């Protein structure tokens, strides 16, 4: 996974400001935000797509959800935010290193999905 842009960010090859980091993941601002708050939660472990996750990844996937709540509180958007995981090119995934989009700061219409 180190050949993806996220792998290069995690390794420090591409400088980026981490909003949050721990031993399992990093959180950065999305460079093409779809809302006033749009951050990416990226596991340090390289998993290409959610569909490629295995039983052994269960704790990591749960950790990413907990980090989403922690970061939402940190950013003051814990009352209303959306989490999105794109799985595969046809679903809008452009970087094949699993990541979660946390978006907030605007009202989303019912049924509306964001990139």
C-alpha atoms as a PDB file:
ATOM      1  CA  UNK A   1       0.000   0.000   0.000  1.00  0.00           C
ATOM      2  CA  UNK A   2       2.984   2.327   0.317  1.00  0.00           C
ATOM      3  CA  UNK A   3       2.655   3.127  -3.384  1.00  0.00           C
ATOM      4  CA  UNK A   4      -0.692   4.907  -2.899  1.00  0.00           C
ATOM      5  CA  UNK A   5      -0.885   8.577  -2.020  1.00  0.00           C
ATOM      6  CA  UNK A   6      -2.177   7.597   1.427  1.00  0.00           C
ATOM      7  CA  UNK A   7       0.736   5.211   1.958  1.00  0.00           C
ATOM      8  CA  UNK A   8       3.105   8.032   1.064  1.00  0.00           C
ATOM      9  CA  UNK A   9       1.338  10.407   3.458  1.00  0.00           C
ATOM     10  CA  UNK A  10       1.494   7.853   6.283  1.00  0.00           C
ATOM     11  CA  UNK A  11       5.203   7.202   5.680  1.00  0.00           C
ATOM     12  CA  UNK A  12       5.969  10.943   5.597  1.00  0.00           C
ATOM     13  CA  UNK A  13       7.069  10.839   1.963  1.00  0.00           C
ATOM     14  CA  UNK A  14       4.305  13.347   1.214  1.00  0.00           C
ATOM     15  CA  UNK A  15       4.007  15.955   3.974  1.00  0.00           C
ATOM     16  CA  UNK A  16       0.541  16.356   5.462  1.00  0.00           C
ATOM     17  CA  UNK A  17      -0.911  17.821   8.621  1.00  0.00           C
ATOM     18  CA  UNK A  18      -2.561  15.167  10.753  1.00  0.00           C
ATOM     19  CA  UNK A  19      -5.709  16.297  12.532  1.00  0.00           C
ATOM     20  CA  UNK A  20      -5.469  13.122  14.595  1.00  0.00           C
ATOM     21  CA  UNK A  21      -3.130  10.158  14.658  1.00  0.00           C
ATOM     22  CA  UNK A  22      -2.534   7.054  16.685  1.00  0.00           C
ATOM     23  CA  UNK A  23      -0.780   3.757  16.149  1.00  0.00           C
ATOM     24  CA  UNK A  24      -3.584   2.478  13.887  1.00  0.00           C
ATOM     25  CA  UNK A  25      -4.658   5.426  11.740  1.00  0.00           C
ATOM     26  CA  UNK A  26      -4.240   9.043  10.701  1.00  0.00           C
ATOM     27  CA  UNK A  27      -6.833  11.709   9.912  1.00  0.00           C
ATOM     28  CA  UNK A  28      -6.276  14.438   7.330  1.00  0.00           C
ATOM     29  CA  UNK A  29      -8.372  17.089   5.619  1.00  0.00           C
ATOM     30  CA  UNK A  30      -9.715  16.054   2.224  1.00  0.00           C
ATOM     31  CA  UNK A  31      -8.068  18.085  -0.553  1.00  0.00           C
ATOM     32  CA  UNK A  32     -11.393  18.256  -2.422  1.00  0.00           C
ATOM     33  CA  UNK A  33     -13.915  18.872   0.381  1.00  0.00           C
ATOM     34  CA  UNK A  34     -17.594  18.194  -0.269  1.00  0.00           C
ATOM     35  CA  UNK A  35     -18.700  20.014   2.894  1.00  0.00           C
ATOM     36  CA  UNK A  36     -17.272  22.572   5.343  1.00  0.00           C
ATOM     37  CA  UNK A  37     -15.858  19.654   7.361  1.00  0.00           C
ATOM     38  CA  UNK A  38     -14.491  16.808   5.242  1.00  0.00           C
ATOM     39  CA  UNK A  39     -11.736  14.661   6.676  1.00  0.00           C
ATOM     40  CA  UNK A  40     -10.334  11.270   5.766  1.00  0.00           C
ATOM     41  CA  UNK A  41      -9.726   8.560   8.352  1.00  0.00           C
ATOM     42  CA  UNK A  42      -6.979   6.347   6.953  1.00  0.00           C
ATOM     43  CA  UNK A  43      -5.734   3.141   8.565  1.00  0.00           C
ATOM     44  CA  UNK A  44      -1.977   2.709   8.656  1.00  0.00           C
ATOM     45  CA  UNK A  45      -2.522  -0.909   7.614  1.00  0.00           C
ATOM     46  CA  UNK A  46      -3.041  -1.139   3.893  1.00  0.00           C
ATOM     47  CA  UNK A  47      -6.363  -2.686   2.940  1.00  0.00           C
ATOM     48  CA  UNK A  48      -7.299  -1.911  -0.664  1.00  0.00           C
ATOM     49  CA  UNK A  49     -11.080  -1.909  -0.267  1.00  0.00           C
ATOM     50  CA  UNK A  50     -13.567  -2.656   2.482  1.00  0.00           C
ATOM     51  CA  UNK A  51     -14.548  -5.813   0.583  1.00  0.00           C
ATOM     52  CA  UNK A  52     -10.943  -7.009   0.965  1.00  0.00           C
ATOM     53  CA  UNK A  53     -11.020  -6.784   4.776  1.00  0.00           C
ATOM     54  CA  UNK A  54     -10.785 -10.070   6.628  1.00  0.00           C
ATOM     55  CA  UNK A  55     -11.892 -11.331  10.026  1.00  0.00           C
ATOM     56  CA  UNK A  56      -8.468 -10.385  11.390  1.00  0.00           C
ATOM     57  CA  UNK A  57      -9.246  -6.729  10.509  1.00  0.00           C
ATOM     58  CA  UNK A  58     -12.317  -6.560  12.745  1.00  0.00           C
ATOM     59  CA  UNK A  59     -10.621  -4.697  15.596  1.00  0.00           C
ATOM     60  CA  UNK A  60      -9.082  -2.174  13.190  1.00  0.00           C
ATOM     61  CA  UNK A  61     -12.422  -1.504  11.493  1.00  0.00           C
ATOM     62  CA  UNK A  62     -14.078  -0.964  14.866  1.00  0.00           C
ATOM     63  CA  UNK A  63     -11.247   1.343  15.888  1.00  0.00           C
ATOM     64  CA  UNK A  64     -11.842   3.477  12.782  1.00  0.00           C
ATOM     65  CA  UNK A  65     -15.480   3.948  13.861  1.00  0.00           C
ATOM     66  CA  UNK A  66     -14.411   5.010  17.345  1.00  0.00           C
ATOM     67  CA  UNK A  67     -11.897   7.442  15.859  1.00  0.00           C
ATOM     68  CA  UNK A  68     -14.669   8.909  13.707  1.00  0.00           C
ATOM     69  CA  UNK A  69     -16.634   9.762  16.846  1.00  0.00           C
ATOM     70  CA  UNK A  70     -13.553  11.126  18.598  1.00  0.00           C
ATOM     71  CA  UNK A  71     -12.618  13.329  15.628  1.00  0.00           C
ATOM     72  CA  UNK A  72     -16.224  14.512  15.232  1.00  0.00           C
ATOM     73  CA  UNK A  73     -16.140  15.653  18.874  1.00  0.00           C
ATOM     74  CA  UNK A  74     -12.739  17.268  18.348  1.00  0.00           C
ATOM     75  CA  UNK A  75     -14.097  19.207  15.352  1.00  0.00           C
ATOM     76  CA  UNK A  76     -17.353  20.118  17.120  1.00  0.00           C
ATOM     77  CA  UNK A  77     -19.618  18.245  14.691  1.00  0.00           C
ATOM     78  CA  UNK A  78     -20.577  15.260  16.852  1.00  0.00           C
ATOM     79  CA  UNK A  79     -24.301  16.060  16.616  1.00  0.00           C
ATOM     80  CA  UNK A  80     -24.502  15.585  12.835  1.00  0.00           C
ATOM     81  CA  UNK A  81     -21.989  13.986  10.509  1.00  0.00           C
ATOM     82  CA  UNK A  82     -21.895  11.392   7.781  1.00  0.00           C
ATOM     83  CA  UNK A  83     -19.397   8.572   7.257  1.00  0.00           C
ATOM     84  CA  UNK A  84     -18.825   7.237   3.760  1.00  0.00           C
ATOM     85  CA  UNK A  85     -16.696   4.363   2.520  1.00  0.00           C
ATOM     86  CA  UNK A  86     -16.409   4.005  -1.237  1.00  0.00           C
ATOM     87  CA  UNK A  87     -15.661   0.426  -2.310  1.00  0.00           C
ATOM     88  CA  UNK A  88     -14.376   0.097  -5.863  1.00  0.00           C
ATOM     89  CA  UNK A  89     -14.003   2.458  -8.799  1.00  0.00           C
ATOM     90  CA  UNK A  90     -17.674   2.292  -9.764  1.00  0.00           C
ATOM     91  CA  UNK A  91     -18.576   3.433  -6.251  1.00  0.00           C
ATOM     92  CA  UNK A  92     -16.255   6.434  -6.531  1.00  0.00           C
ATOM     93  CA  UNK A  93     -13.134   5.029  -4.872  1.00  0.00           C
ATOM     94  CA  UNK A  94     -10.115   6.748  -6.406  1.00  0.00           C
ATOM     95  CA  UNK A  95      -7.390   5.737  -3.948  1.00  0.00           C
ATOM     96  CA  UNK A  96      -7.221   2.014  -3.319  1.00  0.00           C
ATOM     97  CA  UNK A  97      -6.267   2.221   0.326  1.00  0.00           C
ATOM     98  CA  UNK A  98      -9.332   1.879   2.550  1.00  0.00           C
ATOM     99  CA  UNK A  99     -10.408   5.194   4.072  1.00  0.00           C
ATOM    100  CA  UNK A 100     -13.494   6.746   5.625  1.00  0.00           C
ATOM    101  CA  UNK A 101     -14.853  10.146   4.664  1.00  0.00           C
ATOM    102  CA  UNK A 102     -16.264  12.071   7.628  1.00  0.00           C
ATOM    103  CA  UNK A 103     -18.300  14.978   6.335  1.00  0.00           C
ATOM    104  CA  UNK A 104     -20.278  17.567   8.261  1.00  0.00           C
ATOM    105  CA  UNK A 105     -21.069  21.227   8.567  1.00  0.00           C
ATOM    106  CA  UNK A 106     -23.991  21.333   6.178  1.00  0.00           C
ATOM    107  CA  UNK A 107     -27.427  19.752   6.010  1.00  0.00           C
ATOM    108  CA  UNK A 108     -27.697  16.710   3.783  1.00  0.00           C
ATOM    109  CA  UNK A 109     -30.935  15.984   1.994  1.00  0.00           C
ATOM    110  CA  UNK A 110     -32.542  12.668   2.852  1.00  0.00           C
ATOM    111  CA  UNK A 111     -31.163   9.996   0.568  1.00  0.00           C
ATOM    112  CA  UNK A 112     -28.387  12.288  -0.682  1.00  0.00           C
ATOM    113  CA  UNK A 113     -24.977  10.682  -0.872  1.00  0.00           C
ATOM    114  CA  UNK A 114     -21.706  12.534  -1.072  1.00  0.00           C
ATOM    115  CA  UNK A 115     -18.404  11.585  -2.746  1.00  0.00           C
END
